[in-house]
């Protein structure tokens, strides 16, 4: 059974930082592209960042230079370090796993990130 479990969300003030974690089980983790998506009610889901098995990363323009995605394959875990957070970063963040060239096959349950003073 595949599981992706996110943690690390919460409430933070503008300009603050959070680190999200995604722990995976039930997949050959090192072979998968791991991504973070976010969604706000009434808006389209957005790909925030993803990391390939080679370590290559992609970011949405809106988070470049503020967010960093990394992976620890021996721990089957991916991290999303979020700095200089803005109110528009408020969303539910989902961890995903998929094989290269495909849409994600697996999704986590999501973790809420709220940026507010």
Protein backbone atom coordinates (compact mmCIF):
# COMPACT_ATOMS: atom_id res chain seq x y z
CA UNK A 1 0.00 0.00 0.00
CA UNK A 2 1.42 3.34 -1.06
CA UNK A 3 1.39 6.16 1.46
CA UNK A 4 2.58 9.74 1.22
CA UNK A 5 2.37 11.55 4.54
CA UNK A 6 2.92 15.30 4.68
CA UNK A 7 3.84 17.23 7.79
CA UNK A 8 5.13 20.65 8.76
CA UNK A 9 2.24 22.90 7.78
CA UNK A 10 0.84 25.57 10.03
CA UNK A 11 0.33 29.26 10.60
CA UNK A 12 3.21 31.64 9.95
CA UNK A 13 3.56 35.40 9.63
CA UNK A 14 4.46 37.02 6.32
CA UNK A 15 8.19 36.83 5.78
CA UNK A 16 8.48 33.70 7.88
CA UNK A 17 9.58 30.18 7.00
CA UNK A 18 8.22 26.66 7.13
CA UNK A 19 9.61 23.31 6.12
CA UNK A 20 7.24 20.69 4.79
CA UNK A 21 8.16 17.01 4.83
CA UNK A 22 6.74 14.14 2.81
CA UNK A 23 7.46 10.61 3.98
CA UNK A 24 6.75 7.89 1.43
CA UNK A 25 6.23 4.16 1.77
CA UNK A 26 5.21 1.37 -0.57
CA UNK A 27 7.06 2.66 -3.64
CA UNK A 28 10.57 2.45 -5.06
CA UNK A 29 11.08 5.99 -3.85
CA UNK A 30 14.37 6.74 -5.58
CA UNK A 31 12.79 6.02 -8.99
CA UNK A 32 9.97 8.51 -8.60
CA UNK A 33 9.53 12.16 -9.41
CA UNK A 34 8.31 13.78 -6.19
CA UNK A 35 6.33 16.96 -6.39
CA UNK A 36 4.54 19.50 -4.24
CA UNK A 37 1.25 20.94 -5.46
CA UNK A 38 -0.94 23.47 -3.74
CA UNK A 39 -4.60 24.36 -3.98
CA UNK A 40 -6.76 27.20 -2.79
CA UNK A 41 -10.55 26.74 -2.77
CA UNK A 42 -12.00 27.99 -6.05
CA UNK A 43 -8.64 28.08 -7.81
CA UNK A 44 -6.82 25.65 -10.04
CA UNK A 45 -4.32 23.33 -8.46
CA UNK A 46 -0.75 24.55 -8.99
CA UNK A 47 2.52 22.65 -9.27
CA UNK A 48 4.88 24.35 -6.83
CA UNK A 49 8.05 22.30 -7.21
CA UNK A 50 9.24 18.87 -8.19
CA UNK A 51 12.43 16.91 -7.99
CA UNK A 52 13.54 14.13 -10.29
CA UNK A 53 15.46 11.03 -9.32
CA UNK A 54 18.57 12.70 -10.74
CA UNK A 55 18.16 15.64 -8.37
CA UNK A 56 17.05 18.04 -11.09
CA UNK A 57 14.42 20.46 -9.80
CA UNK A 58 11.64 22.59 -11.29
CA UNK A 59 9.84 25.47 -9.60
CA UNK A 60 6.82 27.61 -10.29
CA UNK A 61 7.83 31.17 -11.12
CA UNK A 62 5.92 32.42 -8.12
CA UNK A 63 8.16 30.53 -5.66
CA UNK A 64 11.54 30.59 -7.36
CA UNK A 65 14.31 31.90 -5.10
CA UNK A 66 12.07 31.44 -2.05
CA UNK A 67 11.32 27.70 -1.96
CA UNK A 68 13.76 24.81 -2.13
CA UNK A 69 12.84 21.18 -2.74
CA UNK A 70 15.22 18.41 -1.72
CA UNK A 71 15.10 14.66 -1.30
CA UNK A 72 16.70 12.14 1.03
CA UNK A 73 16.31 8.82 -0.76
CA UNK A 74 17.62 6.59 2.09
CA UNK A 75 14.89 8.10 4.27
CA UNK A 76 12.22 8.03 1.53
CA UNK A 77 11.54 11.66 2.34
CA UNK A 78 11.23 14.90 0.40
CA UNK A 79 11.37 18.37 1.91
CA UNK A 80 10.06 21.73 0.81
CA UNK A 81 11.82 24.60 2.53
CA UNK A 82 9.67 27.72 2.20
CA UNK A 83 11.20 31.09 3.00
CA UNK A 84 9.95 34.66 2.70
CA UNK A 85 6.40 33.41 2.82
CA UNK A 86 3.63 35.63 1.49
CA UNK A 87 -0.12 35.60 2.16
CA UNK A 88 -0.64 34.33 -1.39
CA UNK A 89 1.27 31.17 -0.46
CA UNK A 90 -1.66 30.20 1.75
CA UNK A 91 -3.03 26.89 0.47
CA UNK A 92 -3.28 23.19 1.12
CA UNK A 93 0.00 21.63 0.02
CA UNK A 94 0.02 18.10 -1.40
CA UNK A 95 2.95 15.75 -1.90
CA UNK A 96 2.84 13.63 -5.04
CA UNK A 97 4.80 10.77 -6.58
CA UNK A 98 4.88 9.70 -10.19
CA UNK A 99 7.10 8.17 -12.81
CA UNK A 100 8.89 10.48 -15.22
CA UNK A 101 6.78 11.71 -18.11
CA UNK A 102 3.50 10.94 -16.36
CA UNK A 103 1.02 12.73 -14.19
CA UNK A 104 1.40 11.89 -10.48
CA UNK A 105 0.20 8.43 -9.56
CA UNK A 106 -0.03 9.03 -5.84
CA UNK A 107 -1.12 11.93 -3.62
CA UNK A 108 -0.82 12.64 0.05
CA UNK A 109 -3.66 13.90 2.21
CA UNK A 110 -2.42 17.48 2.21
CA UNK A 111 -1.19 19.89 4.85
CA UNK A 112 -2.52 23.41 5.40
CA UNK A 113 -0.16 26.36 5.18
CA UNK A 114 -1.55 29.71 6.28
CA UNK A 115 0.46 32.92 5.97
CA UNK A 116 -1.17 35.69 7.92
CA UNK A 117 -0.38 38.39 10.43
